Amino acid sequence: MQVSLETTSGIERKLTITLPVADIDGEVNKRLQDLSRRVRLDGFRPGKIPMKVVKRRYGAGARQEVLGEMMQSSFVEAIQEQKLNPAGAPSVEAKSDDDEGFTFIATFEIYPEIALNEFNGITVERPVADVQESDIDEMIETLRKQGTSFEDVERAAELGDRVTFDYVGTKDGEAFEGGSAENATLELGSGRMIPGFEDGLVGVSAGEEKVLSLTFPEDYQAEELAGQSVEFACKVHKVAGPALPELNDEFFARFGVTEGGLEDFRKEVSKNMERELRQAVKNKVKNQVMDGLLKIHEVEVPSALTSQEIDRMREQAVQQFGGMKGGFDPKQLPAELFEADAKKRVALGLLIGEVVKQREVKVDDERVRAMIEEMASAYQEPQQVIDWYYSNDEQLSQIKYVVLEEQVVDTILEAAQVSEKTCSYQEAIKPAERAVEAEEAEQEETA
C-alpha cells in the first residue's frame, strides 16, 4: 500500500492511497473460492463449479466488496500511521484503476490543534445581589397575578378586564374572511387584536354595541387586509374584572406549603428566589467566561462537527415546538438558521476539551452530588429525584458534563480579571446580552 499525505488547508487533509493489484486479486480469489464451495448453480454439483464460471457470475460483485473493505481498512491504517485525528467521515473519490493498482483519494478534516492563551485576558463582572423583603413582596404579587380569575362586574369595561362579545368585521360594507366571531373572549390590553381594537372597547358595558373604525397595519400577514380601513360591529355580552387570589392556606397549598401560613410561604418563596439568584449569577459569570474564551482564541471549526451540531439543534427546535409528534423532519429546517450558533458551540466544546486536557480537570463527584441535591430540593420528594438521576446513566452523564464545565469556568476564573458589581435582585436575574453577540452586532452596524 502506498500513501501520500497533502495538507490542502488549515485542518483539511488529503490522503492518496494506492492498493496493489496483487493484494486486491488475492483477496478477490479468496472470496470467489469461498463462494464456489457455497453457491448452488443448475447443472453443477455442490462444490464442483468451475472457477471461471464463478468469476464470470460473481467476479465483479466480489471485487466491489473487496475494494470497499480494503479502502476502509487502508484508510484507518493510513491515519494511524500518519497520526491523524479525523473530525468526521472522509469524502472518497476513485482516482485510477489500472495495472499499477487501485488508487483513491480520501479528503477529510482533522481536529484543530489549539494552543491555549493566558486567561488573564478575560474580564468578568460578577453581579452581587441579595433577596430583599420588597423582592419577596413583588414575587408574591406576581404569583397572585398568575392565579388571576375573572368575575362578572356591573360597570363599563376597563383595561385589564375580560369581555365576552360578538363582532363582525367589514371592508367597504362587505364582511371579510376571519373577521367575525360569536361569544369571543378578550382581555383588554393583551395586544391580541389590531391596534385600536381593545382600546375601543374600553368604556363599553354589558348589553351595549359599538362600531370600531380601524386600519390594519401595513405589515399585516393577510396581504388583502394590510393597510386597509375596516369597521368592526361589536356587541358586548359580559364584562368580567380581574380578581387576585387571597393570601390564604388554599393559595399557599398550590405551592406545596401546607403549614405555617404566610410566614412559611414567604420563607419558601425566598428559598426559591435565592436558588434562582445563585443560578442566574452562575450563568452570567459562565457566559462571560465562555465569551472571553472565544474572544482570545481563533478556532478553525471542522465542518463535519458543525453539521452534527446543526442537526442536534434542529431536533431540539422541533422537540420544543412539538413537531416530533406530527412526524416533522427536522432536516426541513434551513441549516442557515443554526449555523452561526452551531459553530460557536463547537468552538467552545473544542476549547473546553483542551482546557480539561491541558489543566487535567477531573469531574468532582461531590459537586455532582451537590448539584443533583440542589435540583431535587425544588421537588416535594427530593430523594426520589436524586435516586432517579443516579439510576439513569444518560442523565447522570449530562450532569457530570455540566459540573465539568463549571470546573473549567473556575479554572479560568482563577486567572481572569474578575470584578464585582452590586445590583438589585431583578437586575441580577435579568438575562444579559452575550458579549460576543453584542460585539458582532456592533461590528455589523459599523460596517
Protein backbone atom coordinates (compact mmCIF):
# COMPACT_ATOMS: atom_id res chain seq x y z
CA MET A 1 0.00 0.00 0.00
CA GLN A 2 1.32 3.42 -0.99
CA VAL A 3 0.20 6.52 0.91
CA SER A 4 0.83 10.21 0.31
CA LEU A 5 -0.48 12.99 2.55
CA GLU A 6 -1.31 16.53 1.44
CA THR A 7 -2.38 19.50 3.58
CA THR A 8 -4.93 21.38 1.49
CA SER A 9 -5.92 23.96 4.15
CA GLY A 10 -5.54 24.59 7.86
CA ILE A 11 -7.41 21.48 9.00
CA GLU A 12 -8.20 19.77 5.68
CA ARG A 13 -6.08 16.78 4.69
CA LYS A 14 -5.98 14.66 1.55
CA LEU A 15 -4.73 11.08 1.57
CA THR A 16 -3.91 9.41 -1.73
CA ILE A 17 -3.81 5.66 -1.24
CA THR A 18 -2.85 3.03 -3.79
CA LEU A 19 -3.84 -0.61 -3.20
CA PRO A 20 -1.53 -3.12 -5.01
CA VAL A 21 -3.13 -5.24 -7.71
CA ALA A 22 -1.72 -8.41 -6.16
CA ASP A 23 -3.40 -7.69 -2.83
CA ILE A 24 -6.73 -6.95 -4.48
CA ASP A 25 -6.63 -10.01 -6.75
CA GLY A 26 -5.53 -12.27 -3.91
CA GLU A 27 -8.43 -11.19 -1.73
CA VAL A 28 -10.91 -11.46 -4.63
CA ASN A 29 -9.73 -15.01 -5.38
CA LYS A 30 -10.19 -15.99 -1.75
CA ARG A 31 -13.71 -14.58 -1.84
CA LEU A 32 -14.56 -16.44 -5.06
CA GLN A 33 -13.09 -19.72 -3.82
CA ASP A 34 -15.25 -19.48 -0.74
CA LEU A 35 -18.27 -18.74 -2.93
CA SER A 36 -17.56 -21.74 -5.16
CA ARG A 37 -17.97 -24.02 -2.16
CA ARG A 38 -21.22 -22.45 -1.01
CA VAL A 39 -23.23 -21.35 -4.06
CA ARG A 40 -25.68 -23.55 -5.95
CA LEU A 41 -25.96 -23.40 -9.75
CA ASP A 42 -28.12 -25.54 -12.01
CA GLY A 43 -26.10 -28.16 -13.87
CA PHE A 44 -23.26 -28.30 -11.34
CA ARG A 45 -22.75 -30.42 -8.27
CA PRO A 46 -22.20 -28.54 -4.98
CA GLY A 47 -18.54 -27.60 -4.62
CA LYS A 48 -17.72 -28.59 -8.23
CA ILE A 49 -18.48 -25.32 -10.03
CA PRO A 50 -15.54 -24.31 -12.28
CA MET A 51 -13.74 -21.19 -11.08
CA LYS A 52 -14.16 -19.46 -14.44
CA VAL A 53 -17.94 -19.82 -14.08
CA VAL A 54 -17.83 -18.41 -10.57
CA LYS A 55 -15.67 -15.47 -11.75
CA ARG A 56 -17.98 -14.74 -14.64
CA ARG A 57 -21.06 -14.79 -12.42
CA TYR A 58 -19.73 -13.21 -9.21
CA GLY A 59 -16.37 -11.66 -10.04
CA ALA A 60 -17.47 -8.03 -10.45
CA GLY A 61 -19.53 -8.04 -7.27
CA ALA A 62 -16.79 -9.72 -5.28
CA ARG A 63 -14.25 -7.15 -6.45
CA GLN A 64 -16.50 -4.26 -5.44
CA GLU A 65 -16.95 -5.79 -2.00
CA VAL A 66 -13.22 -6.31 -1.59
CA LEU A 67 -12.39 -2.79 -2.76
CA GLY A 68 -14.89 -1.28 -0.31
CA GLU A 69 -13.45 -3.23 2.61
CA MET A 70 -9.83 -2.58 1.63
CA MET A 71 -10.46 1.15 1.15
CA GLN A 72 -11.93 1.36 4.63
CA SER A 73 -9.19 -0.69 6.34
CA SER A 74 -6.38 1.06 4.42
CA PHE A 75 -7.76 4.48 5.36
CA VAL A 76 -7.81 3.52 9.04
CA GLU A 77 -4.27 2.15 8.75
CA ALA A 78 -3.07 5.28 6.95
CA ILE A 79 -4.45 7.76 9.51
CA GLN A 80 -2.91 5.71 12.30
CA GLU A 81 0.47 5.71 10.55
CA GLN A 82 0.24 9.45 9.89
CA LYS A 83 -1.07 10.09 13.43
CA LEU A 84 -4.13 11.96 12.19
CA ASN A 85 -7.37 12.52 14.13
CA PRO A 86 -10.26 12.93 11.64
CA ALA A 87 -13.16 15.12 12.75
CA GLY A 88 -15.61 13.29 10.50
CA ALA A 89 -16.02 10.71 7.77
CA PRO A 90 -13.87 11.25 4.67
CA SER A 91 -15.07 12.16 1.20
CA VAL A 92 -13.76 9.34 -1.03
CA GLU A 93 -13.05 9.57 -4.76
CA ALA A 94 -11.62 6.86 -7.03
CA LYS A 95 -8.64 8.19 -8.98
CA SER A 96 -7.41 5.28 -11.10
CA ASP A 97 -7.75 1.52 -11.51
CA ASP A 98 -5.04 0.00 -13.70
CA ASP A 99 -2.03 -2.31 -13.71
CA GLU A 100 -0.36 -0.11 -11.07
CA GLY A 101 -3.19 -0.77 -8.63
CA PHE A 102 -6.36 0.89 -7.41
CA THR A 103 -5.83 4.49 -6.29
CA PHE A 104 -8.33 6.56 -4.37
CA ILE A 105 -8.32 9.92 -2.62
CA ALA A 106 -9.79 10.46 0.85
CA THR A 107 -10.40 14.10 1.80
CA PHE A 108 -11.28 14.95 5.39
CA GLU A 109 -10.84 17.44 8.21
CA ILE A 110 -8.87 16.85 11.38
CA TYR A 111 -9.42 18.25 14.84
CA PRO A 112 -7.58 21.57 15.09
CA GLU A 113 -4.54 21.90 17.27
CA ILE A 114 -5.34 24.51 19.90
CA ALA A 115 -2.72 26.48 21.78
CA LEU A 116 -4.38 27.95 24.86
CA ASN A 117 -3.65 31.60 25.54
CA GLU A 118 -3.30 33.06 29.02
CA PHE A 119 -6.66 33.50 30.70
CA ASN A 120 -5.73 36.87 32.24
CA GLY A 121 -7.01 38.49 29.07
CA ILE A 122 -10.57 37.54 30.06
CA THR A 123 -12.60 40.07 32.05
CA VAL A 124 -15.62 39.09 34.15
CA GLU A 125 -18.08 41.25 36.09
CA ARG A 126 -19.79 39.21 38.80
CA PRO A 127 -23.22 40.50 39.93
CA VAL A 128 -23.65 40.79 43.71
CA ALA A 129 -27.23 40.90 44.94
CA ASP A 130 -29.48 39.87 47.83
CA VAL A 131 -33.13 38.93 48.02
CA GLN A 132 -34.83 41.80 49.85
CA GLU A 133 -38.23 41.74 51.54
CA SER A 134 -39.52 44.03 48.79
CA ASP A 135 -38.37 41.47 46.21
CA ILE A 136 -40.36 38.78 48.02
CA ASP A 137 -43.42 41.07 48.09
CA GLU A 138 -43.10 41.65 44.35
CA MET A 139 -42.72 37.93 43.66
CA ILE A 140 -45.81 37.09 45.72
CA GLU A 141 -47.80 39.68 43.76
CA THR A 142 -46.54 38.10 40.53
CA LEU A 143 -47.71 34.68 41.76
CA ARG A 144 -51.08 36.14 42.67
CA LYS A 145 -51.45 37.70 39.22
CA GLN A 146 -50.66 34.35 37.64
CA GLY A 147 -53.64 32.94 39.53
CA THR A 148 -55.98 35.75 38.48
CA SER A 149 -59.62 34.79 37.97
CA PHE A 150 -62.34 36.95 36.39
CA GLU A 151 -65.69 37.82 37.95
CA ASP A 152 -68.63 39.48 36.19
CA VAL A 153 -69.00 43.18 37.03
CA GLU A 154 -71.80 45.71 36.55
CA ARG A 155 -69.72 48.56 35.15
CA ALA A 156 -68.05 49.75 31.97
CA ALA A 157 -65.06 47.78 30.72
CA GLU A 158 -61.55 48.88 31.73
CA LEU A 159 -58.08 47.84 30.61
CA GLY A 160 -57.34 44.50 32.26
CA ASP A 161 -60.97 43.37 32.12
CA ARG A 162 -62.14 40.39 30.10
CA VAL A 163 -65.08 40.97 27.78
CA THR A 164 -67.32 38.40 26.10
CA PHE A 165 -68.70 39.77 22.84
CA ASP A 166 -69.70 39.21 19.20
CA TYR A 167 -68.08 41.10 16.36
CA VAL A 168 -68.42 41.35 12.60
CA GLY A 169 -65.68 42.92 10.51
CA THR A 170 -66.50 44.60 7.19
CA LYS A 171 -64.45 46.24 4.45
CA ASP A 172 -66.29 48.54 2.08
CA GLY A 173 -69.54 47.20 3.57
CA GLU A 174 -68.67 43.54 2.89
CA ALA A 175 -67.76 41.02 5.62
CA PHE A 176 -64.23 39.64 5.18
CA GLU A 177 -62.92 36.18 5.96
CA GLY A 178 -61.76 35.63 9.54
CA GLY A 179 -63.21 38.95 10.71
CA SER A 180 -66.23 37.67 12.66
CA ALA A 181 -66.85 35.68 15.84
CA GLU A 182 -69.55 34.99 18.43
CA ASN A 183 -69.06 34.83 22.20
CA ALA A 184 -65.38 35.63 21.80
CA THR A 185 -63.42 36.44 24.96
CA LEU A 186 -60.76 39.12 25.01
CA GLU A 187 -58.62 40.57 27.78
CA LEU A 188 -58.37 44.29 27.13
CA GLY A 189 -54.74 45.37 26.96
CA SER A 190 -53.44 41.93 25.96
CA GLY A 191 -52.46 43.15 22.48
CA ARG A 192 -54.14 40.20 20.75
CA MET A 193 -56.12 42.36 18.32
CA ILE A 194 -55.01 45.03 15.86
CA PRO A 195 -54.12 48.49 17.25
CA GLY A 196 -57.17 50.40 18.47
CA PHE A 197 -59.49 47.40 18.81
CA GLU A 198 -59.03 46.74 22.53
CA ASP A 199 -58.82 50.43 23.43
CA GLY A 200 -62.08 50.92 21.51
CA LEU A 201 -63.93 48.56 23.85
CA VAL A 202 -62.85 50.43 26.97
CA GLY A 203 -65.93 52.16 28.44
CA VAL A 204 -68.46 49.74 26.91
CA SER A 205 -70.83 47.93 29.30
CA ALA A 206 -72.62 44.57 29.01
CA GLY A 207 -75.53 44.81 26.54
CA GLU A 208 -74.05 47.76 24.64
CA GLU A 209 -72.99 47.86 20.99
CA LYS A 210 -70.19 49.83 19.36
CA VAL A 211 -68.72 50.15 15.86
CA LEU A 212 -64.93 50.43 15.71
CA SER A 213 -63.42 52.17 12.69
CA LEU A 214 -59.86 50.86 12.39
CA THR A 215 -56.99 50.38 9.95
CA PHE A 216 -54.97 47.18 9.61
CA PRO A 217 -51.18 47.57 9.97
CA GLU A 218 -49.20 47.87 6.72
CA ASP A 219 -47.28 44.70 7.59
CA TYR A 220 -50.36 42.62 8.46
CA GLN A 221 -49.91 38.95 7.47
CA ALA A 222 -53.05 38.84 5.32
CA GLU A 223 -51.99 40.89 2.29
CA GLU A 224 -55.57 41.67 1.23
CA LEU A 225 -56.14 43.44 4.57
CA ALA A 226 -52.74 45.09 5.10
CA GLY A 227 -53.18 48.86 5.39
CA GLN A 228 -56.94 48.64 4.72
CA SER A 229 -59.64 50.61 6.54
CA VAL A 230 -62.33 48.41 8.11
CA GLU A 231 -65.17 48.51 10.61
CA PHE A 232 -65.95 46.07 13.42
CA ALA A 233 -69.54 46.00 14.73
CA CYS A 234 -69.25 44.75 18.33
CA LYS A 235 -71.90 43.67 20.83
CA VAL A 236 -70.71 43.12 24.41
CA HIS A 237 -72.43 40.39 26.44
CA LYS A 238 -70.35 40.35 29.63
CA VAL A 239 -67.64 42.34 31.36
CA ALA A 240 -65.51 40.48 33.92
CA GLY A 241 -62.97 42.16 36.16
CA PRO A 242 -59.75 40.56 37.43
CA ALA A 243 -59.79 39.13 40.95
CA LEU A 244 -56.49 38.26 42.62
CA PRO A 245 -56.49 35.19 44.90
CA GLU A 246 -56.29 35.87 48.61
CA LEU A 247 -53.17 35.03 50.57
CA ASN A 248 -54.68 32.10 52.45
CA ASP A 249 -53.94 28.43 53.10
CA GLU A 250 -55.62 27.40 49.85
CA PHE A 251 -53.31 29.70 47.87
CA PHE A 252 -50.20 28.59 49.80
CA ALA A 253 -51.05 24.92 49.19
CA ARG A 254 -50.76 25.48 45.42
CA PHE A 255 -47.03 25.91 46.01
CA GLY A 256 -46.59 22.99 48.39
CA VAL A 257 -46.80 24.99 51.62
CA THR A 258 -49.37 23.25 53.82
CA GLU A 259 -48.28 24.55 57.23
CA GLY A 260 -47.03 27.76 58.78
CA GLY A 261 -49.26 30.17 56.89
CA LEU A 262 -47.89 33.36 55.34
CA GLU A 263 -44.62 33.24 57.27
CA ASP A 264 -43.61 29.81 55.93
CA PHE A 265 -44.90 30.71 52.48
CA ARG A 266 -42.60 33.73 52.41
CA LYS A 267 -39.70 31.51 53.51
CA GLU A 268 -40.45 29.07 50.66
CA VAL A 269 -40.66 31.90 48.13
CA SER A 270 -37.42 33.36 49.47
CA LYS A 271 -35.66 29.99 49.23
CA ASN A 272 -36.71 29.57 45.61
CA MET A 273 -35.65 33.12 44.79
CA GLU A 274 -32.25 32.56 46.41
CA ARG A 275 -31.80 29.43 44.28
CA GLU A 276 -32.81 31.34 41.15
CA LEU A 277 -30.41 34.16 42.07
CA ARG A 278 -27.47 31.77 42.56
CA GLN A 279 -28.17 30.11 39.22
CA ALA A 280 -28.56 33.44 37.42
CA VAL A 281 -25.25 34.76 38.78
CA LYS A 282 -23.54 31.49 37.92
CA ASN A 283 -24.90 31.63 34.35
CA LYS A 284 -23.86 35.26 33.85
CA VAL A 285 -20.34 34.54 35.05
CA LYS A 286 -20.14 31.41 32.91
CA ASN A 287 -21.38 33.24 29.81
CA GLN A 288 -18.77 35.96 30.28
CA VAL A 289 -16.04 33.35 30.72
CA MET A 290 -17.12 31.46 27.60
CA ASP A 291 -17.42 34.63 25.54
CA GLY A 292 -13.98 35.67 26.77
CA LEU A 293 -12.54 32.27 25.90
CA LEU A 294 -13.86 32.62 22.36
CA LYS A 295 -12.58 36.17 22.11
CA ILE A 296 -8.95 35.34 22.92
CA HIS A 297 -8.78 32.26 20.68
CA GLU A 298 -9.27 31.65 16.98
CA VAL A 299 -10.52 28.14 16.38
CA GLU A 300 -10.93 26.63 12.92
CA VAL A 301 -14.11 24.61 13.26
CA PRO A 302 -14.43 21.34 11.28
CA SER A 303 -17.49 21.48 9.03
CA ALA A 304 -18.44 17.89 9.93
CA LEU A 305 -18.74 18.84 13.61
CA THR A 306 -20.75 21.94 12.69
CA SER A 307 -23.14 19.81 10.63
CA GLN A 308 -23.62 17.40 13.53
CA GLU A 309 -24.35 20.29 15.89
CA ILE A 310 -26.81 21.82 13.41
CA ASP A 311 -28.69 18.50 13.30
CA ARG A 312 -28.84 18.43 17.11
CA MET A 313 -30.13 22.00 17.21
CA ARG A 314 -32.74 21.19 14.55
CA GLU A 315 -34.03 18.29 16.65
CA GLN A 316 -34.10 20.42 19.79
CA ALA A 317 -36.08 23.10 17.97
CA VAL A 318 -38.62 20.61 16.64
CA GLN A 319 -39.00 18.94 20.05
CA GLN A 320 -39.51 22.33 21.68
CA PHE A 321 -42.47 23.05 19.43
CA GLY A 322 -43.87 19.52 19.49
CA GLY A 323 -43.10 18.78 15.84
CA MET A 324 -41.78 15.28 16.54
CA LYS A 325 -45.29 14.03 17.32
CA GLY A 326 -46.50 15.19 13.92
CA GLY A 327 -43.70 13.42 12.08
CA PHE A 328 -42.00 16.67 11.03
CA ASP A 329 -38.50 16.04 9.66
CA PRO A 330 -36.02 18.35 11.47
CA LYS A 331 -33.84 18.47 8.34
CA GLN A 332 -36.54 20.58 6.67
CA LEU A 333 -35.40 23.49 8.85
CA PRO A 334 -32.78 25.56 6.96
CA ALA A 335 -29.24 24.95 8.21
CA GLU A 336 -28.54 28.69 7.98
CA LEU A 337 -30.84 29.28 10.95
CA PHE A 338 -28.46 27.42 13.23
CA GLU A 339 -25.04 27.66 11.56
CA ALA A 340 -23.60 30.62 13.50
CA ASP A 341 -24.64 29.27 16.90
CA ALA A 342 -23.54 25.77 15.94
CA LYS A 343 -20.04 27.00 15.08
CA LYS A 344 -19.82 28.80 18.43
CA ARG A 345 -20.93 25.71 20.30
CA VAL A 346 -18.40 23.52 18.52
CA ALA A 347 -15.59 26.03 19.04
CA LEU A 348 -16.43 26.26 22.75
CA GLY A 349 -16.58 22.48 23.03
CA LEU A 350 -13.11 22.18 21.49
CA LEU A 351 -11.73 24.90 23.79
CA ILE A 352 -13.30 23.36 26.89
CA GLY A 353 -11.90 19.98 25.91
CA GLU A 354 -8.44 21.50 25.56
CA VAL A 355 -8.66 23.17 28.98
CA VAL A 356 -9.74 19.83 30.50
CA LYS A 357 -6.83 18.08 28.80
CA GLN A 358 -4.08 20.59 29.46
CA ARG A 359 -5.15 21.51 33.00
CA GLU A 360 -6.06 17.88 33.83
CA VAL A 361 -9.54 18.76 35.10
CA LYS A 362 -11.39 15.78 36.60
CA VAL A 363 -15.09 15.62 37.44
CA ASP A 364 -15.67 16.27 41.15
CA ASP A 365 -18.21 13.66 42.29
CA GLU A 366 -19.07 15.71 45.39
CA ARG A 367 -20.06 18.65 43.18
CA VAL A 368 -22.15 16.30 41.04
CA ARG A 369 -23.98 15.15 44.16
CA ALA A 370 -24.46 18.72 45.37
CA MET A 371 -25.89 19.82 42.02
CA ILE A 372 -28.36 16.94 41.92
CA GLU A 373 -29.43 17.61 45.52
CA GLU A 374 -29.98 21.30 44.76
CA MET A 375 -32.16 20.48 41.75
CA ALA A 376 -34.04 17.87 43.77
CA SER A 377 -34.77 20.37 46.56
CA ALA A 378 -37.32 22.08 44.28
CA TYR A 379 -39.48 18.91 44.34
CA GLN A 380 -41.76 17.57 47.05
CA GLU A 381 -39.93 14.21 47.14
CA PRO A 382 -36.23 15.15 46.74
CA GLN A 383 -34.85 11.66 47.42
CA GLN A 384 -36.88 10.19 44.57
CA VAL A 385 -35.33 12.74 42.18
CA ILE A 386 -31.82 12.00 43.48
CA ASP A 387 -32.34 8.24 43.09
CA TRP A 388 -33.68 8.77 39.57
CA TYR A 389 -30.55 10.64 38.45
CA TYR A 390 -28.22 8.04 39.92
CA SER A 391 -30.14 5.21 38.25
CA ASN A 392 -30.12 6.89 34.83
CA ASP A 393 -26.66 6.80 33.25
CA GLU A 394 -27.55 9.20 30.44
CA GLN A 395 -28.96 11.87 32.75
CA LEU A 396 -26.10 11.42 35.21
CA SER A 397 -23.58 11.88 32.37
CA GLN A 398 -25.25 15.16 31.42
CA ILE A 399 -24.96 16.42 35.00
CA LYS A 400 -21.31 15.36 35.12
CA TYR A 401 -20.59 17.34 31.95
CA VAL A 402 -22.28 20.43 33.40
CA VAL A 403 -20.14 20.08 36.54
CA LEU A 404 -17.04 19.63 34.39
CA GLU A 405 -17.90 22.87 32.55
CA GLU A 406 -18.29 24.63 35.91
CA GLN A 407 -14.87 23.36 36.98
CA VAL A 408 -13.39 24.67 33.73
CA VAL A 409 -15.03 28.05 34.47
CA ASP A 410 -13.49 28.01 37.96
CA THR A 411 -10.08 27.19 36.46
CA ILE A 412 -10.31 30.17 34.11
CA LEU A 413 -11.63 32.49 36.84
CA GLU A 414 -8.51 31.84 38.90
CA ALA A 415 -6.50 33.73 36.24
CA ALA A 416 -9.17 36.04 34.77
CA GLN A 417 -9.73 39.66 35.76
CA VAL A 418 -12.82 39.48 37.96
CA SER A 419 -14.66 42.49 39.37
CA GLU A 420 -17.92 42.69 41.31
CA LYS A 421 -20.96 44.85 40.68
CA THR A 422 -23.61 45.40 43.32
CA CYS A 423 -27.10 45.31 41.83
CA SER A 424 -30.71 44.54 42.65
CA TYR A 425 -32.25 41.09 42.56
CA GLN A 426 -34.17 41.94 39.39
CA GLU A 427 -31.02 43.19 37.65
CA ALA A 428 -29.12 40.08 38.67
CA ILE A 429 -31.66 37.61 37.32
CA LYS A 430 -32.31 39.53 34.10
CA PRO A 431 -30.61 37.74 31.17
CA ALA A 432 -27.63 39.69 29.85
CA GLU A 433 -26.84 40.21 26.20
CA ARG A 434 -23.99 37.91 25.28
CA ALA A 435 -20.77 39.88 24.83
CA VAL A 436 -19.72 38.13 21.63
CA GLU A 437 -23.15 38.65 20.06
CA ALA A 438 -23.16 42.31 21.11
CA GLU A 439 -19.71 42.83 19.63
CA GLU A 440 -20.72 41.19 16.33
CA ALA A 441 -23.86 43.35 16.17
CA GLU A 442 -21.74 46.45 16.80
CA GLN A 443 -19.33 45.45 14.03
CA GLU A 444 -22.24 44.95 11.60
CA GLU A 445 -23.62 48.40 12.43
CA THR A 446 -20.19 49.94 11.93
CA ALA A 447 -19.82 48.19 8.59
